[in-house]
C-alpha cells in the first residue's frame, strides 16, 4: 500500500496535472521549454523576495512550482521523455529552490535580521541534503522518496508562509522538518542495507 503522501501525489497527477498537461501538449509546447520557463519564474520570485515583496514573491514562486508539475506530465503523455530532459528537470528544480531561498537570505541580510538569515540558510542546507539523500539512495538501488518534507511539501509550507506574511516561520518549519527528513532517509537506507 502506498504511503499517504504518495497516494496524494498520484491523485494530484491524475486529476490536477494531466488535464492542463494535455492542453500544453496540444499547443506543441516542448517539456524542456516548460522546465526552463519555470526556472525563469523562480528567478523572478527570488528578485521579488530579495526586495521584500513577500506576497508577490510567494504568488510568483507558486506559479513557477505549478509549471514544474506539468513538464514531466507533458513529456510522459507526449512520448517525449528523455534522459537529458529528466536531468534538466532535476537540476533546474534544485537551482530554482536555491535561488528562491537565496532571495530570502538576501532580504534578511539587507534587513540585518540575523535570525531570518540563519533560517534561510538552514532551510537551504537542509533542503539540499534531502534532495541529495534521495538521489544517492536511488543510485544505490534503494527507494529514496521517504520522510516528511520532500520538495512538494517544502513548496507548500514556504508558499503558505509567504502568502500569510510569516516567511521566517515557514523557514523554521522547513529547516526543522527537512533536517528530520534527512535523518529519516539515512535510517531508511541503513535499514535497507541491513535487510540486504
Protein backbone atom coordinates (compact mmCIF):
# COMPACT_ATOMS: atom_id res chain seq x y z
CA UNK A 1 0.00 0.00 0.00
CA UNK A 2 1.32 3.45 -0.91
CA UNK A 3 2.19 5.99 1.76
CA UNK A 4 -0.46 8.75 2.11
CA UNK A 5 1.81 11.41 0.58
CA UNK A 6 2.47 9.18 -2.45
CA UNK A 7 -1.27 8.47 -2.80
CA UNK A 8 -1.92 12.21 -2.72
CA UNK A 9 0.68 12.76 -5.43
CA UNK A 10 -0.86 10.06 -7.62
CA UNK A 11 -4.32 11.63 -7.20
CA UNK A 12 -2.98 15.11 -8.00
CA UNK A 13 -1.13 13.82 -11.05
CA UNK A 14 -4.28 12.25 -12.47
CA UNK A 15 -6.88 14.90 -11.72
CA UNK A 16 -4.94 18.17 -11.37
CA UNK A 17 -1.82 17.87 -13.51
CA UNK A 18 -2.86 15.80 -16.51
CA UNK A 19 -5.69 17.99 -17.88
CA UNK A 20 -3.50 21.15 -18.23
CA UNK A 21 -0.62 18.97 -19.45
CA UNK A 22 -2.81 17.66 -22.27
CA UNK A 23 -3.66 21.25 -23.22
CA UNK A 24 0.04 22.17 -23.30
CA UNK A 25 0.72 19.09 -25.39
CA UNK A 26 -1.99 20.14 -27.85
CA UNK A 27 -0.21 23.50 -28.19
CA UNK A 28 3.02 21.64 -29.11
CA UNK A 29 4.96 23.12 -26.20
CA UNK A 30 8.12 21.12 -25.52
CA UNK A 31 8.54 19.90 -21.91
CA UNK A 32 12.10 21.30 -21.74
CA UNK A 33 10.71 24.75 -22.58
CA UNK A 34 8.28 24.41 -19.65
CA UNK A 35 11.17 23.41 -17.38
CA UNK A 36 13.28 26.40 -18.44
CA UNK A 37 10.36 28.80 -18.08
CA UNK A 38 9.66 27.51 -14.58
CA UNK A 39 13.26 28.26 -13.63
CA UNK A 40 12.98 31.77 -15.06
CA UNK A 41 9.85 32.31 -12.96
CA UNK A 42 11.76 31.13 -9.86
CA UNK A 43 14.42 33.77 -10.58
CA UNK A 44 11.69 36.42 -10.80
CA UNK A 45 10.28 35.23 -7.46
CA UNK A 46 13.73 35.43 -5.88
CA UNK A 47 14.12 39.03 -7.07
CA UNK A 48 10.77 39.98 -5.54
CA UNK A 49 11.60 38.26 -2.26
CA UNK A 50 15.02 39.92 -2.04
CA UNK A 51 13.20 43.24 -2.48
CA UNK A 52 10.86 42.43 0.42
CA UNK A 53 7.73 41.86 -1.68
CA UNK A 54 6.74 38.64 0.06
CA UNK A 55 3.16 38.30 -1.18
CA UNK A 56 4.08 38.93 -4.83
CA UNK A 57 7.13 36.70 -4.49
CA UNK A 58 5.04 33.92 -3.00
CA UNK A 59 2.48 34.10 -5.80
CA UNK A 60 5.20 34.04 -8.47
CA UNK A 61 7.05 31.20 -6.72
CA UNK A 62 3.90 29.08 -6.59
CA UNK A 63 3.22 29.82 -10.27
CA UNK A 64 6.70 28.56 -11.13
CA UNK A 65 6.18 25.47 -8.98
CA UNK A 66 2.90 24.79 -10.78
CA UNK A 67 4.72 24.90 -14.10
CA UNK A 68 7.20 22.37 -12.77
CA UNK A 69 4.34 19.90 -12.25
CA UNK A 70 3.50 19.98 -15.93
CA UNK A 71 6.83 19.36 -17.69
CA UNK A 72 7.11 15.73 -16.64
CA UNK A 73 3.46 15.06 -17.46
CA UNK A 74 3.80 16.65 -20.92
CA UNK A 75 6.94 14.57 -21.57
CA UNK A 76 5.22 11.37 -20.47
CA UNK A 77 1.92 11.94 -22.27
CA UNK A 78 3.63 13.13 -25.45
CA UNK A 79 6.22 10.39 -25.57
CA UNK A 80 8.99 12.97 -25.24
CA UNK A 81 10.58 11.70 -22.05
CA UNK A 82 14.37 11.59 -22.29
CA UNK A 83 17.39 11.14 -20.08
CA UNK A 84 18.51 14.71 -20.76
CA UNK A 85 15.03 16.08 -20.05
CA UNK A 86 14.89 14.26 -16.71
CA UNK A 87 18.35 15.55 -15.80
CA UNK A 88 17.48 19.11 -16.85
CA UNK A 89 14.27 18.99 -14.81
CA UNK A 90 16.09 17.78 -11.68
CA UNK A 91 18.91 20.32 -12.00
CA UNK A 92 16.63 23.30 -12.63
CA UNK A 93 14.31 22.21 -9.80
CA UNK A 94 17.24 22.33 -7.39
CA UNK A 95 18.53 25.62 -8.80
CA UNK A 96 15.04 27.14 -8.62
CA UNK A 97 14.75 26.22 -4.96
CA UNK A 98 18.24 27.58 -4.30
CA UNK A 99 17.57 30.97 -5.92
CA UNK A 100 14.25 31.42 -4.07
CA UNK A 101 15.83 30.71 -0.70
CA UNK A 102 18.80 32.88 -1.66
CA UNK A 103 16.36 35.71 -2.39
CA UNK A 104 15.03 35.39 1.16
CA UNK A 105 18.58 35.25 2.53
CA UNK A 106 19.42 38.48 0.70
CA UNK A 107 16.32 40.14 2.13
CA UNK A 108 17.18 39.18 5.71
CA UNK A 109 20.83 40.19 5.33
CA UNK A 110 19.79 43.59 3.99
CA UNK A 111 17.35 43.97 6.88
CA UNK A 112 20.09 42.99 9.37
CA UNK A 113 17.79 40.21 10.61
CA UNK A 114 20.24 37.58 11.82
CA UNK A 115 17.57 35.05 12.79
CA UNK A 116 15.91 35.25 9.37
CA UNK A 117 19.27 34.87 7.63
CA UNK A 118 20.16 31.82 9.71
CA UNK A 119 16.77 30.24 9.00
CA UNK A 120 17.05 30.91 5.26
CA UNK A 121 20.48 29.29 5.17
CA UNK A 122 19.28 26.40 7.34
CA UNK A 123 16.30 25.77 5.06
CA UNK A 124 18.58 25.86 2.03
CA UNK A 125 21.12 23.45 3.52
CA UNK A 126 18.51 21.00 4.82
CA UNK A 127 16.57 21.08 1.53
CA UNK A 128 19.68 20.31 -0.50
CA UNK A 129 20.56 17.41 1.80
CA UNK A 130 17.06 15.96 1.48
CA UNK A 131 17.38 16.02 -2.31
CA UNK A 132 20.94 14.67 -2.21
CA UNK A 133 19.98 11.75 0.02
CA UNK A 134 17.17 10.78 -2.34
CA UNK A 135 19.50 10.87 -5.35
CA UNK A 136 22.27 8.99 -3.51
CA UNK A 137 19.98 6.30 -2.14
CA UNK A 138 18.35 5.74 -5.52
CA UNK A 139 21.84 5.49 -7.01
CA UNK A 140 22.42 2.65 -4.54
CA UNK A 141 19.21 0.95 -5.64
CA UNK A 142 17.13 1.97 -2.61
CA UNK A 143 13.86 3.91 -2.94
CA UNK A 144 14.64 7.39 -1.62
CA UNK A 145 11.34 9.28 -1.58
CA UNK A 146 10.56 8.82 2.10
CA UNK A 147 10.13 11.19 5.03
CA UNK A 148 8.00 14.17 5.97
CA UNK A 149 9.45 17.05 3.98
CA UNK A 150 10.03 16.36 0.30
CA UNK A 151 10.14 19.16 -2.27
CA UNK A 152 6.33 19.45 -2.75
CA UNK A 153 5.83 19.81 1.00
CA UNK A 154 8.59 22.44 1.19
CA UNK A 155 6.94 24.44 -1.59
CA UNK A 156 3.55 24.31 0.14
CA UNK A 157 4.98 25.39 3.51
CA UNK A 158 7.08 28.21 2.05
CA UNK A 159 4.25 29.37 -0.21
CA UNK A 160 1.82 29.48 2.72
CA UNK A 161 4.33 31.37 4.84
CA UNK A 162 4.89 33.96 2.12
CA UNK A 163 1.20 34.43 1.35
CA UNK A 164 0.26 34.74 5.03
CA UNK A 165 3.16 37.05 5.86
CA UNK A 166 5.16 34.65 8.05
CA UNK A 167 8.18 33.69 5.94
CA UNK A 168 10.51 33.21 8.92
CA UNK A 169 8.09 30.74 10.50
CA UNK A 170 7.92 28.82 7.21
CA UNK A 171 11.72 28.74 7.00
CA UNK A 172 11.90 27.46 10.58
CA UNK A 173 9.41 24.67 9.84
CA UNK A 174 11.29 23.70 6.68
CA UNK A 175 14.64 23.72 8.48
CA UNK A 176 13.35 21.51 11.30
CA UNK A 177 11.30 19.04 9.25
CA UNK A 178 13.75 18.82 6.35
CA UNK A 179 16.51 18.05 8.87
CA UNK A 180 14.28 15.32 10.31
CA UNK A 181 13.71 14.02 6.77
CA UNK A 182 17.47 13.78 6.26
CA UNK A 183 17.62 11.50 9.30
CA UNK A 184 14.59 9.51 8.10
CA UNK A 185 16.15 8.91 4.70
CA UNK A 186 19.52 7.96 6.17
CA UNK A 187 17.84 5.47 8.53
CA UNK A 188 15.80 4.11 5.62
CA UNK A 189 18.96 3.38 3.62
CA UNK A 190 20.63 1.86 6.69
CA UNK A 191 17.67 -0.46 7.24
CA UNK A 192 17.59 -1.40 3.56
CA UNK A 193 21.29 -2.26 3.76
CA UNK A 194 20.74 -4.47 6.79
CA UNK A 195 17.86 -6.21 5.06
CA UNK A 196 20.04 -6.91 2.02
